[in-house]
Amino acid sequence: MSNANKGIGKVDVRLKWDPSPWSRPPHHLDLVVVGVAIQQNGDGPKTFGDLTNAGVLVVDGYQKLLEDDFARLAGSTAMTVAEFTRDDSGAWEFREMVRGFDTDPVVFTAEMGGTRSA
């Protein structure tokens, strides 16, 4: 069995943009949401509860920002885990955003940044 993602070990996501013209307000980009989705292969839906020894770890250097074993969202097929935004001074802020979804990966990518309805 082949795994298309086998060669990836550590991933850095970097945003870049040109500064605003001198006379205009600054532009800012945020890394709105980090999500995890289970690839569904047609054998019926797989949830995080079907996995063993799975989890996510978000770190800043050696500082652990978030560690989760997916147990609290065992019935979900996808989840968001974190959001990164800039504060008014321009410093990056981390916000834990563990939220489960019961949808396929394509739909999840459209839903994951949305606000949760009551």
PDB file of N, CA and C in Angstrom:
ATOM      1  N   MET A   1       0.855  -1.173   0.000  1.00  0.00           N
ATOM      2  CA  MET A   1       0.000   0.000   0.000  1.00  0.00           C
ATOM      3  C   MET A   1       0.899   1.233   0.000  1.00  0.00           C
ATOM      4  N   SER A   2       0.604   2.158  -0.830  1.00  0.00           N
ATOM      5  CA  SER A   2       1.393   3.375  -0.971  1.00  0.00           C
ATOM      6  C   SER A   2       0.743   4.517  -0.206  1.00  0.00           C
ATOM      7  N   ASN A   3       1.588   5.389   0.348  1.00  0.00           N
ATOM      8  CA  ASN A   3       1.088   6.574   1.055  1.00  0.00           C
ATOM      9  C   ASN A   3       1.672   7.796   0.377  1.00  0.00           C
ATOM     10  N   ALA A   4       0.826   8.624  -0.218  1.00  0.00           N
ATOM     11  CA  ALA A   4       1.287   9.793  -0.963  1.00  0.00           C
ATOM     12  C   ALA A   4       1.988  10.802  -0.081  1.00  0.00           C
ATOM     13  N   ASN A   5       1.714  10.817   1.223  1.00  0.00           N
ATOM     14  CA  ASN A   5       2.294  11.802   2.131  1.00  0.00           C
ATOM     15  C   ASN A   5       3.494  11.268   2.903  1.00  0.00           C
ATOM     16  N   LYS A   6       3.994  10.085   2.570  1.00  0.00           N
ATOM     17  CA  LYS A   6       5.036   9.434   3.350  1.00  0.00           C
ATOM     18  C   LYS A   6       6.307  10.261   3.474  1.00  0.00           C
ATOM     19  N   GLY A   7       6.676  11.053   2.485  1.00  0.00           N
ATOM     20  CA  GLY A   7       7.934  11.776   2.517  1.00  0.00           C
ATOM     21  C   GLY A   7       7.934  13.044   3.349  1.00  0.00           C
ATOM     22  N   ILE A   8       6.783  13.501   3.823  1.00  0.00           N
ATOM     23  CA  ILE A   8       6.726  14.752   4.574  1.00  0.00           C
ATOM     24  C   ILE A   8       6.910  14.466   6.049  1.00  0.00           C
ATOM     25  N   GLY A   9       7.868  15.161   6.668  1.00  0.00           N
ATOM     26  CA  GLY A   9       8.093  14.988   8.093  1.00  0.00           C
ATOM     27  C   GLY A   9       7.676  16.188   8.896  1.00  0.00           C
ATOM     28  N   LYS A  10       8.258  17.333   8.637  1.00  0.00           N
ATOM     29  CA  LYS A  10       7.959  18.564   9.363  1.00  0.00           C
ATOM     30  C   LYS A  10       7.555  19.614   8.348  1.00  0.00           C
ATOM     31  N   VAL A  11       6.501  20.334   8.652  1.00  0.00           N
ATOM     32  CA  VAL A  11       5.987  21.328   7.719  1.00  0.00           C
ATOM     33  C   VAL A  11       5.960  22.683   8.406  1.00  0.00           C
ATOM     34  N   ASP A  12       6.504  23.683   7.768  1.00  0.00           N
ATOM     35  CA  ASP A  12       6.366  25.069   8.196  1.00  0.00           C
ATOM     36  C   ASP A  12       5.457  25.752   7.195  1.00  0.00           C
ATOM     37  N   VAL A  13       4.500  26.506   7.688  1.00  0.00           N
ATOM     38  CA  VAL A  13       3.646  27.301   6.822  1.00  0.00           C
ATOM     39  C   VAL A  13       4.048  28.744   7.017  1.00  0.00           C
ATOM     40  N   ARG A  14       4.437  29.400   5.960  1.00  0.00           N
ATOM     41  CA  ARG A  14       4.883  30.786   6.047  1.00  0.00           C
ATOM     42  C   ARG A  14       4.041  31.645   5.128  1.00  0.00           C
ATOM     43  N   LEU A  15       3.632  32.768   5.643  1.00  0.00           N
ATOM     44  CA  LEU A  15       2.882  33.736   4.851  1.00  0.00           C
ATOM     45  C   LEU A  15       3.813  34.856   4.442  1.00  0.00           C
ATOM     46  N   LYS A  16       3.591  35.403   3.255  1.00  0.00           N
ATOM     47  CA  LYS A  16       4.375  36.560   2.836  1.00  0.00           C
ATOM     48  C   LYS A  16       3.484  37.486   2.032  1.00  0.00           C
ATOM     49  N   TRP A  17       3.817  38.756   2.062  1.00  0.00           N
ATOM     50  CA  TRP A  17       3.099  39.756   1.289  1.00  0.00           C
ATOM     51  C   TRP A  17       3.908  41.030   1.261  1.00  0.00           C
ATOM     52  N   ASP A  18       3.642  41.829   0.255  1.00  0.00           N
ATOM     53  CA  ASP A  18       4.307  43.123   0.141  1.00  0.00           C
ATOM     54  C   ASP A  18       3.660  44.110   1.104  1.00  0.00           C
ATOM     55  N   PRO A  19       4.427  45.031   1.630  1.00  0.00           N
ATOM     56  CA  PRO A  19       3.838  46.028   2.525  1.00  0.00           C
ATOM     57  C   PRO A  19       2.868  46.925   1.766  1.00  0.00           C
ATOM     58  N   SER A  20       1.968  47.519   2.530  1.00  0.00           N
ATOM     59  CA  SER A  20       1.018  48.467   1.941  1.00  0.00           C
ATOM     60  C   SER A  20       1.763  49.711   1.478  1.00  0.00           C
ATOM     61  N   PRO A  21       1.220  50.414   0.479  1.00  0.00           N
ATOM     62  CA  PRO A  21       1.812  51.707   0.121  1.00  0.00           C
ATOM     63  C   PRO A  21       1.834  52.629   1.340  1.00  0.00           C
ATOM     64  N   TRP A  22       2.789  53.521   1.367  1.00  0.00           N
ATOM     65  CA  TRP A  22       3.016  54.405   2.513  1.00  0.00           C
ATOM     66  C   TRP A  22       1.739  55.106   3.001  1.00  0.00           C
ATOM     67  N   SER A  23       0.892  55.513   2.114  1.00  0.00           N
ATOM     68  CA  SER A  23      -0.289  56.301   2.472  1.00  0.00           C
ATOM     69  C   SER A  23      -1.515  55.436   2.809  1.00  0.00           C
ATOM     70  N   ARG A  24      -1.382  54.129   2.792  1.00  0.00           N
ATOM     71  CA  ARG A  24      -2.522  53.229   3.005  1.00  0.00           C
ATOM     72  C   ARG A  24      -2.385  52.470   4.334  1.00  0.00           C
ATOM     73  N   PRO A  25      -3.495  52.008   4.916  1.00  0.00           N
ATOM     74  CA  PRO A  25      -3.408  51.168   6.123  1.00  0.00           C
ATOM     75  C   PRO A  25      -2.674  49.867   5.806  1.00  0.00           C
ATOM     76  N   PRO A  26      -2.033  49.268   6.812  1.00  0.00           N
ATOM     77  CA  PRO A  26      -1.276  48.035   6.559  1.00  0.00           C
ATOM     78  C   PRO A  26      -2.192  46.857   6.235  1.00  0.00           C
ATOM     79  N   HIS A  27      -1.668  45.923   5.426  1.00  0.00           N
ATOM     80  CA  HIS A  27      -2.343  44.666   5.126  1.00  0.00           C
ATOM     81  C   HIS A  27      -1.855  43.630   6.131  1.00  0.00           C
ATOM     82  N   HIS A  28      -2.749  42.745   6.549  1.00  0.00           N
ATOM     83  CA  HIS A  28      -2.365  41.654   7.447  1.00  0.00           C
ATOM     84  C   HIS A  28      -2.977  40.361   6.951  1.00  0.00           C
ATOM     85  N   LEU A  29      -2.220  39.301   7.014  1.00  0.00           N
ATOM     86  CA  LEU A  29      -2.716  37.966   6.721  1.00  0.00           C
ATOM     87  C   LEU A  29      -2.595  37.136   7.983  1.00  0.00           C
ATOM     88  N   ASP A  30      -3.574  36.301   8.250  1.00  0.00           N
ATOM     89  CA  ASP A  30      -3.536  35.388   9.380  1.00  0.00           C
ATOM     90  C   ASP A  30      -3.558  33.967   8.849  1.00  0.00           C
ATOM     91  N   LEU A  31      -3.005  33.068   9.584  1.00  0.00           N
ATOM     92  CA  LEU A  31      -3.146  31.651   9.305  1.00  0.00           C
ATOM     93  C   LEU A  31      -4.376  31.243  10.095  1.00  0.00           C
ATOM     94  N   VAL A  32      -5.675  31.475   9.392  1.00  0.00           N
ATOM     95  CA  VAL A  32      -6.998  31.484  10.043  1.00  0.00           C
ATOM     96  C   VAL A  32      -7.237  30.231  10.828  1.00  0.00           C
ATOM     97  N   VAL A  33      -6.963  28.944  10.279  1.00  0.00           N
ATOM     98  CA  VAL A  33      -7.314  27.692  10.939  1.00  0.00           C
ATOM     99  C   VAL A  33      -6.348  26.589  10.535  1.00  0.00           C
ATOM    100  N   VAL A  34      -5.988  25.631  11.496  1.00  0.00           N
ATOM    101  CA  VAL A  34      -5.265  24.391  11.211  1.00  0.00           C
ATOM    102  C   VAL A  34      -6.269  23.272  11.410  1.00  0.00           C
ATOM    103  N   GLY A  35      -6.441  22.444  10.400  1.00  0.00           N
ATOM    104  CA  GLY A  35      -7.427  21.377  10.463  1.00  0.00           C
ATOM    105  C   GLY A  35      -6.834  20.010  10.190  1.00  0.00           C
ATOM    106  N   VAL A  36      -7.539  18.990  10.647  1.00  0.00           N
ATOM    107  CA  VAL A  36      -7.157  17.594  10.450  1.00  0.00           C
ATOM    108  C   VAL A  36      -8.377  16.857   9.909  1.00  0.00           C
ATOM    109  N   ALA A  37      -8.205  16.122   8.834  1.00  0.00           N
ATOM    110  CA  ALA A  37      -9.309  15.337   8.275  1.00  0.00           C
ATOM    111  C   ALA A  37      -8.834  13.913   8.010  1.00  0.00           C
ATOM    112  N   ILE A  38      -9.676  12.950   8.292  1.00  0.00           N
ATOM    113  CA  ILE A  38      -9.362  11.550   8.012  1.00  0.00           C
ATOM    114  C   ILE A  38      -9.699  11.271   6.555  1.00  0.00           C
ATOM    115  N   GLN A  39      -8.739  10.733   5.828  1.00  0.00           N
ATOM    116  CA  GLN A  39      -9.012  10.349   4.448  1.00  0.00           C
ATOM    117  C   GLN A  39      -9.980   9.174   4.457  1.00  0.00           C
ATOM    118  N   GLN A  40     -11.074   9.331   3.759  1.00  0.00           N
ATOM    119  CA  GLN A  40     -12.096   8.285   3.689  1.00  0.00           C
ATOM    120  C   GLN A  40     -11.864   7.477   2.417  1.00  0.00           C
ATOM    121  N   ASN A  41     -11.819   6.138   2.541  1.00  0.00           N
ATOM    122  CA  ASN A  41     -11.469   5.311   1.380  1.00  0.00           C
ATOM    123  C   ASN A  41     -12.602   4.447   0.862  1.00  0.00           C
ATOM    124  N   GLY A  42     -13.824   4.665   1.281  1.00  0.00           N
ATOM    125  CA  GLY A  42     -14.940   3.903   0.742  1.00  0.00           C
ATOM    126  C   GLY A  42     -15.342   2.695   1.574  1.00  0.00           C
ATOM    127  N   ASP A  43     -14.638   2.370   2.640  1.00  0.00           N
ATOM    128  CA  ASP A  43     -15.005   1.244   3.507  1.00  0.00           C
ATOM    129  C   ASP A  43     -15.967   1.677   4.605  1.00  0.00           C
ATOM    130  N   GLY A  44     -16.689   2.729   4.380  1.00  0.00           N
ATOM    131  CA  GLY A  44     -17.541   3.303   5.413  1.00  0.00           C
ATOM    132  C   GLY A  44     -16.790   4.408   6.112  1.00  0.00           C
ATOM    133  N   PRO A  45     -17.501   5.312   6.744  1.00  0.00           N
ATOM    134  CA  PRO A  45     -16.820   6.451   7.369  1.00  0.00           C
ATOM    135  C   PRO A  45     -15.901   6.021   8.510  1.00  0.00           C
ATOM    136  N   LYS A  46     -14.746   6.626   8.562  1.00  0.00           N
ATOM    137  CA  LYS A  46     -13.792   6.409   9.649  1.00  0.00           C
ATOM    138  C   LYS A  46     -13.812   7.640  10.535  1.00  0.00           C
ATOM    139  N   THR A  47     -13.811   7.429  11.843  1.00  0.00           N
ATOM    140  CA  THR A  47     -13.790   8.526  12.805  1.00  0.00           C
ATOM    141  C   THR A  47     -12.495   8.467  13.608  1.00  0.00           C
ATOM    142  N   PHE A  48     -12.239   9.512  14.373  1.00  0.00           N
ATOM    143  CA  PHE A  48     -11.032   9.531  15.200  1.00  0.00           C
ATOM    144  C   PHE A  48     -11.045   8.400  16.218  1.00  0.00           C
ATOM    145  N   GLY A  49     -12.227   7.938  16.619  1.00  0.00           N
ATOM    146  CA  GLY A  49     -12.326   6.804  17.525  1.00  0.00           C
ATOM    147  C   GLY A  49     -11.860   5.495  16.913  1.00  0.00           C
ATOM    148  N   ASP A  50     -11.795   5.418  15.586  1.00  0.00           N
ATOM    149  CA  ASP A  50     -11.327   4.214  14.897  1.00  0.00           C
ATOM    150  C   ASP A  50      -9.810   4.133  14.839  1.00  0.00           C
ATOM    151  N   LEU A  51      -9.130   5.218  15.161  1.00  0.00           N
ATOM    152  CA  LEU A  51      -7.672   5.269  15.081  1.00  0.00           C
ATOM    153  C   LEU A  51      -7.053   4.873  16.408  1.00  0.00           C
ATOM    154  N   THR A  52      -5.836   4.343  16.362  1.00  0.00           N
ATOM    155  CA  THR A  52      -5.105   4.036  17.588  1.00  0.00           C
ATOM    156  C   THR A  52      -3.849   4.891  17.650  1.00  0.00           C
ATOM    157  N   ASN A  53      -3.531   5.340  18.840  1.00  0.00           N
ATOM    158  CA  ASN A  53      -2.314   6.110  19.105  1.00  0.00           C
ATOM    159  C   ASN A  53      -2.194   7.336  18.199  1.00  0.00           C
ATOM    160  N   ALA A  54      -3.310   8.004  17.930  1.00  0.00           N
ATOM    161  CA  ALA A  54      -3.304   9.192  17.076  1.00  0.00           C
ATOM    162  C   ALA A  54      -3.311  10.443  17.941  1.00  0.00           C
ATOM    163  N   GLY A  55      -2.893  11.543  17.391  1.00  0.00           N
ATOM    164  CA  GLY A  55      -2.923  12.798  18.120  1.00  0.00           C
ATOM    165  C   GLY A  55      -2.301  13.915  17.320  1.00  0.00           C
ATOM    166  N   VAL A  56      -2.334  15.088  17.907  1.00  0.00           N
ATOM    167  CA  VAL A  56      -1.745  16.267  17.287  1.00  0.00           C
ATOM    168  C   VAL A  56      -0.945  17.000  18.350  1.00  0.00           C
ATOM    169  N   LEU A  57       0.165  17.582  17.938  1.00  0.00           N
ATOM    170  CA  LEU A  57       1.020  18.364  18.815  1.00  0.00           C
ATOM    171  C   LEU A  57       1.375  19.644  18.076  1.00  0.00           C
ATOM    172  N   VAL A  58       1.096  20.784  18.689  1.00  0.00           N
ATOM    173  CA  VAL A  58       1.457  22.087  18.128  1.00  0.00           C
ATOM    174  C   VAL A  58       2.483  22.690  19.063  1.00  0.00           C
ATOM    175  N   VAL A  59       3.652  23.030  18.520  1.00  0.00           N
ATOM    176  CA  VAL A  59       4.731  23.571  19.343  1.00  0.00           C
ATOM    177  C   VAL A  59       5.272  24.858  18.747  1.00  0.00           C
ATOM    178  N   ASP A  60       5.824  25.668  19.612  1.00  0.00           N
ATOM    179  CA  ASP A  60       6.578  26.860  19.235  1.00  0.00           C
ATOM    180  C   ASP A  60       7.976  26.644  19.774  1.00  0.00           C
ATOM    181  N   GLY A  61       8.892  26.178  18.911  1.00  0.00           N
ATOM    182  CA  GLY A  61      10.207  25.780  19.391  1.00  0.00           C
ATOM    183  C   GLY A  61      10.054  24.578  20.297  1.00  0.00           C
ATOM    184  N   TYR A  62      10.459  24.724  21.574  1.00  0.00           N
ATOM    185  CA  TYR A  62      10.318  23.645  22.547  1.00  0.00           C
ATOM    186  C   TYR A  62       9.087  23.822  23.432  1.00  0.00           C
ATOM    187  N   GLN A  63       8.326  24.883  23.226  1.00  0.00           N
ATOM    188  CA  GLN A  63       7.138  25.141  24.043  1.00  0.00           C
ATOM    189  C   GLN A  63       5.925  24.454  23.424  1.00  0.00           C
ATOM    190  N   LYS A  64       5.275  23.604  24.202  1.00  0.00           N
ATOM    191  CA  LYS A  64       4.082  22.906  23.757  1.00  0.00           C
ATOM    192  C   LYS A  64       2.894  23.862  23.851  1.00  0.00           C
ATOM    193  N   LEU A  65       2.247  24.119  22.714  1.00  0.00           N
ATOM    194  CA  LEU A  65       1.069  24.976  22.693  1.00  0.00           C
ATOM    195  C   LEU A  65      -0.219  24.167  22.823  1.00  0.00           C
ATOM    196  N   LEU A  66      -0.238  22.981  22.230  1.00  0.00           N
ATOM    197  CA  LEU A  66      -1.430  22.137  22.256  1.00  0.00           C
ATOM    198  C   LEU A  66      -1.024  20.697  22.032  1.00  0.00           C
ATOM    199  N   GLU A  67      -1.584  19.817  22.826  1.00  0.00           N
ATOM    200  CA  GLU A  67      -1.447  18.380  22.593  1.00  0.00           C
ATOM    201  C   GLU A  67      -2.817  17.758  22.803  1.00  0.00           C
ATOM    202  N   ASP A  68      -3.255  16.947  21.844  1.00  0.00           N
ATOM    203  CA  ASP A  68      -4.583  16.358  21.923  1.00  0.00           C
ATOM    204  C   ASP A  68      -4.526  14.963  21.320  1.00  0.00           C
ATOM    205  N   ASP A  69      -5.218  14.009  21.947  1.00  0.00           N
ATOM    206  CA  ASP A  69      -5.229  12.631  21.448  1.00  0.00           C
ATOM    207  C   ASP A  69      -6.498  12.294  20.675  1.00  0.00           C
ATOM    208  N   PHE A  70      -7.316  13.277  20.368  1.00  0.00           N
ATOM    209  CA  PHE A  70      -8.544  13.141  19.593  1.00  0.00           C
ATOM    210  C   PHE A  70      -9.662  12.402  20.332  1.00  0.00           C
ATOM    211  N   ALA A  71      -9.459  11.988  21.578  1.00  0.00           N
ATOM    212  CA  ALA A  71     -10.462  11.205  22.305  1.00  0.00           C
ATOM    213  C   ALA A  71     -11.763  11.979  22.500  1.00  0.00           C
ATOM    214  N   ARG A  72     -11.665  13.273  22.768  1.00  0.00           N
ATOM    215  CA  ARG A  72     -12.892  14.042  23.025  1.00  0.00           C
ATOM    216  C   ARG A  72     -13.741  14.228  21.764  1.00  0.00           C
ATOM    217  N   LEU A  73     -13.153  13.941  20.599  1.00  0.00           N
ATOM    218  CA  LEU A  73     -13.897  14.042  19.344  1.00  0.00           C
ATOM    219  C   LEU A  73     -13.888  12.703  18.606  1.00  0.00           C
ATOM    220  N   ALA A  74     -14.031  11.618  19.369  1.00  0.00           N
ATOM    221  CA  ALA A  74     -13.922  10.267  18.813  1.00  0.00           C
ATOM    222  C   ALA A  74     -14.926  10.002  17.702  1.00  0.00           C
ATOM    223  N   GLY A  75     -16.089  10.633  17.717  1.00  0.00           N
ATOM    224  CA  GLY A  75     -17.105  10.404  16.701  1.00  0.00           C
ATOM    225  C   GLY A  75     -16.980  11.281  15.473  1.00  0.00           C
ATOM    226  N   SER A  76     -15.981  12.147  15.431  1.00  0.00           N
ATOM    227  CA  SER A  76     -15.813  13.082  14.313  1.00  0.00           C
ATOM    228  C   SER A  76     -14.918  12.498  13.228  1.00  0.00           C
ATOM    229  N   THR A  77     -15.117  12.987  11.999  1.00  0.00           N
ATOM    230  CA  THR A  77     -14.285  12.579  10.865  1.00  0.00           C
ATOM    231  C   THR A  77     -13.257  13.649  10.506  1.00  0.00           C
ATOM    232  N   ALA A  78     -13.408  14.834  11.081  1.00  0.00           N
ATOM    233  CA  ALA A  78     -12.477  15.943  10.832  1.00  0.00           C
ATOM    234  C   ALA A  78     -12.544  16.882  12.032  1.00  0.00           C
ATOM    235  N   MET A  79     -11.511  17.706  12.201  1.00  0.00           N
ATOM    236  CA  MET A  79     -11.501  18.665  13.304  1.00  0.00           C
ATOM    237  C   MET A  79     -10.585  19.833  12.997  1.00  0.00           C
ATOM    238  N   THR A  80     -10.910  20.957  13.592  1.00  0.00           N
ATOM    239  CA  THR A  80      -9.954  22.057  13.626  1.00  0.00           C
ATOM    240  C   THR A  80      -9.217  21.933  14.944  1.00  0.00           C
ATOM    241  N   VAL A  81      -7.958  22.395  14.967  1.00  0.00           N
ATOM    242  CA  VAL A  81      -7.192  22.303  16.208  1.00  0.00           C
ATOM    243  C   VAL A  81      -6.663  23.644  16.680  1.00  0.00           C
ATOM    244  N   ALA A  82      -6.392  24.575  15.763  1.00  0.00           N
ATOM    245  CA  ALA A  82      -5.758  25.825  16.169  1.00  0.00           C
ATOM    246  C   ALA A  82      -6.039  26.934  15.176  1.00  0.00           C
ATOM    247  N   GLU A  83      -5.896  28.152  15.668  1.00  0.00           N
ATOM    248  CA  GLU A  83      -5.990  29.342  14.831  1.00  0.00           C
ATOM    249  C   GLU A  83      -4.829  30.261  15.221  1.00  0.00           C
ATOM    250  N   PHE A  84      -4.204  30.853  14.245  1.00  0.00           N
ATOM    251  CA  PHE A  84      -3.129  31.806  14.478  1.00  0.00           C
ATOM    252  C   PHE A  84      -3.538  33.152  13.898  1.00  0.00           C
ATOM    253  N   THR A  85      -3.468  34.197  14.715  1.00  0.00           N
ATOM    254  CA  THR A  85      -3.805  35.544  14.274  1.00  0.00           C
ATOM    255  C   THR A  85      -2.757  36.511  14.805  1.00  0.00           C
ATOM    256  N   ARG A  86      -2.780  37.731  14.280  1.00  0.00           N
ATOM    257  CA  ARG A  86      -1.885  38.771  14.783  1.00  0.00           C
ATOM    258  C   ARG A  86      -2.680  39.730  15.657  1.00  0.00           C
ATOM    259  N   ASP A  87      -2.042  40.174  16.744  1.00  0.00           N
ATOM    260  CA  ASP A  87      -2.705  41.166  17.586  1.00  0.00           C
ATOM    261  C   ASP A  87      -2.427  42.558  17.039  1.00  0.00           C
ATOM    262  N   ASP A  88      -2.894  43.588  17.740  1.00  0.00           N
ATOM    263  CA  ASP A  88      -2.753  44.962  17.255  1.00  0.00           C
ATOM    264  C   ASP A  88      -1.304  45.397  17.096  1.00  0.00           C
ATOM    265  N   SER A  89      -0.396  44.784  17.858  1.00  0.00           N
ATOM    266  CA  SER A  89       1.023  45.145  17.746  1.00  0.00           C
ATOM    267  C   SER A  89       1.731  44.390  16.627  1.00  0.00           C
ATOM    268  N   GLY A  90       1.049  43.403  16.026  1.00  0.00           N
ATOM    269  CA  GLY A  90       1.649  42.610  14.953  1.00  0.00           C
ATOM    270  C   GLY A  90       2.218  41.292  15.423  1.00  0.00           C
ATOM    271  N   ALA A  91       2.161  41.010  16.738  1.00  0.00           N
ATOM    272  CA  ALA A  91       2.685  39.749  17.271  1.00  0.00           C
ATOM    273  C   ALA A  91       1.692  38.616  16.995  1.00  0.00           C
ATOM    274  N   TRP A  92       2.235  37.436  16.685  1.00  0.00           N
ATOM    275  CA  TRP A  92       1.388  36.276  16.437  1.00  0.00           C
ATOM    276  C   TRP A  92       0.819  35.757  17.745  1.00  0.00           C
ATOM    277  N   GLU A  93      -0.453  35.367  17.707  1.00  0.00           N
ATOM    278  CA  GLU A  93      -1.119  34.761  18.854  1.00  0.00           C
ATOM    279  C   GLU A  93      -1.671  33.405  18.443  1.00  0.00           C
ATOM    280  N   PHE A  94      -1.606  32.458  19.359  1.00  0.00           N
ATOM    281  CA  PHE A  94      -2.143  31.119  19.154  1.00  0.00           C
ATOM    282  C   PHE A  94      -3.449  30.996  19.924  1.00  0.00           C
ATOM    283  N   ARG A  95      -4.439  30.389  19.299  1.00  0.00           N
ATOM    284  CA  ARG A  95      -5.698  30.123  19.990  1.00  0.00           C
ATOM    285  C   ARG A  95      -6.086  28.679  19.725  1.00  0.00           C
ATOM    286  N   GLU A  96      -6.214  27.907  20.808  1.00  0.00           N
ATOM    287  CA  GLU A  96      -6.694  26.537  20.664  1.00  0.00           C
ATOM    288  C   GLU A  96      -8.117  26.582  20.115  1.00  0.00           C
ATOM    289  N   MET A  97      -8.381  25.735  19.126  1.00  0.00           N
ATOM    290  CA  MET A  97      -9.690  25.745  18.486  1.00  0.00           C
ATOM    291  C   MET A  97     -10.093  24.309  18.141  1.00  0.00           C
ATOM    292  N   VAL A  98     -10.122  23.431  19.137  1.00  0.00           N
ATOM    293  CA  VAL A  98     -10.474  22.036  18.909  1.00  0.00           C
ATOM    294  C   VAL A  98     -11.984  21.950  18.758  1.00  0.00           C
ATOM    295  N   ARG A  99     -12.403  21.561  17.552  1.00  0.00           N
ATOM    296  CA  ARG A  99     -13.821  21.519  17.203  1.00  0.00           C
ATOM    297  C   ARG A  99     -14.030  20.396  16.188  1.00  0.00           C
ATOM    298  N   GLY A 100     -14.961  19.510  16.448  1.00  0.00           N
ATOM    299  CA  GLY A 100     -15.194  18.359  15.585  1.00  0.00           C
ATOM    300  C   GLY A 100     -16.180  18.627  14.467  1.00  0.00           C
ATOM    301  N   PHE A 101     -16.013  17.874  13.384  1.00  0.00           N
ATOM    302  CA  PHE A 101     -16.897  17.926  12.222  1.00  0.00           C
ATOM    303  C   PHE A 101     -17.212  16.502  11.801  1.00  0.00           C
ATOM    304  N   ASP A 102     -18.385  16.285  11.256  1.00  0.00           N
ATOM    305  CA  ASP A 102     -18.784  14.987  10.731  1.00  0.00           C
ATOM    306  C   ASP A 102     -19.100  15.176   9.250  1.00  0.00           C
ATOM    307  N   THR A 103     -18.045  15.314   8.470  1.00  0.00           N
ATOM    308  CA  THR A 103     -18.203  15.630   7.056  1.00  0.00           C
ATOM    309  C   THR A 103     -17.014  15.068   6.288  1.00  0.00           C
ATOM    310  N   ASP A 104     -17.113  15.036   4.975  1.00  0.00           N
ATOM    311  CA  ASP A 104     -15.990  14.551   4.171  1.00  0.00           C
ATOM    312  C   ASP A 104     -14.934  15.651   4.051  1.00  0.00           C
ATOM    313  N   PRO A 105     -13.691  15.301   3.707  1.00  0.00           N
ATOM    314  CA  PRO A 105     -12.611  16.281   3.665  1.00  0.00           C
ATOM    315  C   PRO A 105     -12.864  17.477   2.746  1.00  0.00           C
ATOM    316  N   VAL A 106     -13.539  17.285   1.629  1.00  0.00           N
ATOM    317  CA  VAL A 106     -13.784  18.399   0.708  1.00  0.00           C
ATOM    318  C   VAL A 106     -14.713  19.429   1.342  1.00  0.00           C
ATOM    319  N   VAL A 107     -15.801  18.975   1.930  1.00  0.00           N
ATOM    320  CA  VAL A 107     -16.740  19.877   2.582  1.00  0.00           C
ATOM    321  C   VAL A 107     -16.085  20.513   3.812  1.00  0.00           C
ATOM    322  N   PHE A 108     -15.289  19.737   4.530  1.00  0.00           N
ATOM    323  CA  PHE A 108     -14.604  20.234   5.725  1.00  0.00           C
ATOM    324  C   PHE A 108     -13.748  21.457   5.422  1.00  0.00           C
ATOM    325  N   THR A 109     -13.036  21.442   4.307  1.00  0.00           N
ATOM    326  CA  THR A 109     -12.179  22.581   3.979  1.00  0.00           C
ATOM    327  C   THR A 109     -12.987  23.864   3.803  1.00  0.00           C
ATOM    328  N   ALA A 110     -14.219  23.753   3.373  1.00  0.00           N
ATOM    329  CA  ALA A 110     -15.069  24.923   3.235  1.00  0.00           C
ATOM    330  C   ALA A 110     -15.676  25.346   4.571  1.00  0.00           C
ATOM    331  N   GLU A 111     -15.914  24.389   5.466  1.00  0.00           N
ATOM    332  CA  GLU A 111     -16.587  24.678   6.740  1.00  0.00           C
ATOM    333  C   GLU A 111     -15.650  25.042   7.874  1.00  0.00           C
ATOM    334  N   MET A 112     -14.398  24.610   7.854  1.00  0.00           N
ATOM    335  CA  MET A 112     -13.556  24.664   9.031  1.00  0.00           C
ATOM    336  C   MET A 112     -13.259  26.064   9.551  1.00  0.00           C
ATOM    337  N   GLY A 113     -13.283  27.058   8.739  1.00  0.00           N
ATOM    338  CA  GLY A 113     -13.029  28.413   9.215  1.00  0.00           C
ATOM    339  C   GLY A 113     -14.276  29.156   9.631  1.00  0.00           C
ATOM    340  N   GLY A 114     -15.435  28.552   9.443  1.00  0.00           N
ATOM    341  CA  GLY A 114     -16.685  29.210   9.771  1.00  0.00           C
ATOM    342  C   GLY A 114     -16.934  29.230  11.264  1.00  0.00           C
ATOM    343  N   THR A 115     -17.830  30.072  11.682  1.00  0.00           N
ATOM    344  CA  THR A 115     -18.193  30.134  13.091  1.00  0.00           C
ATOM    345  C   THR A 115     -19.207  29.057  13.402  1.00  0.00           C
ATOM    346  N   ARG A 116     -19.160  28.572  14.606  1.00  0.00           N
ATOM    347  CA  ARG A 116     -20.081  27.531  15.028  1.00  0.00           C
ATOM    348  C   ARG A 116     -21.440  28.131  15.299  1.00  0.00           C
ATOM    349  N   SER A 117     -22.481  27.507  14.749  1.00  0.00           N
ATOM    350  CA  SER A 117     -23.831  27.994  15.016  1.00  0.00           C
ATOM    351  C   SER A 117     -24.304  27.427  16.345  1.00  0.00           C
ATOM    352  N   ALA A 118     -25.167  28.186  17.001  1.00  0.00           N
ATOM    353  CA  ALA A 118     -25.627  27.792  18.342  1.00  0.00           C
ATOM    354  C   ALA A 118     -26.567  26.610  18.291  1.00  0.00           C
TER     355      ALA A 118
END
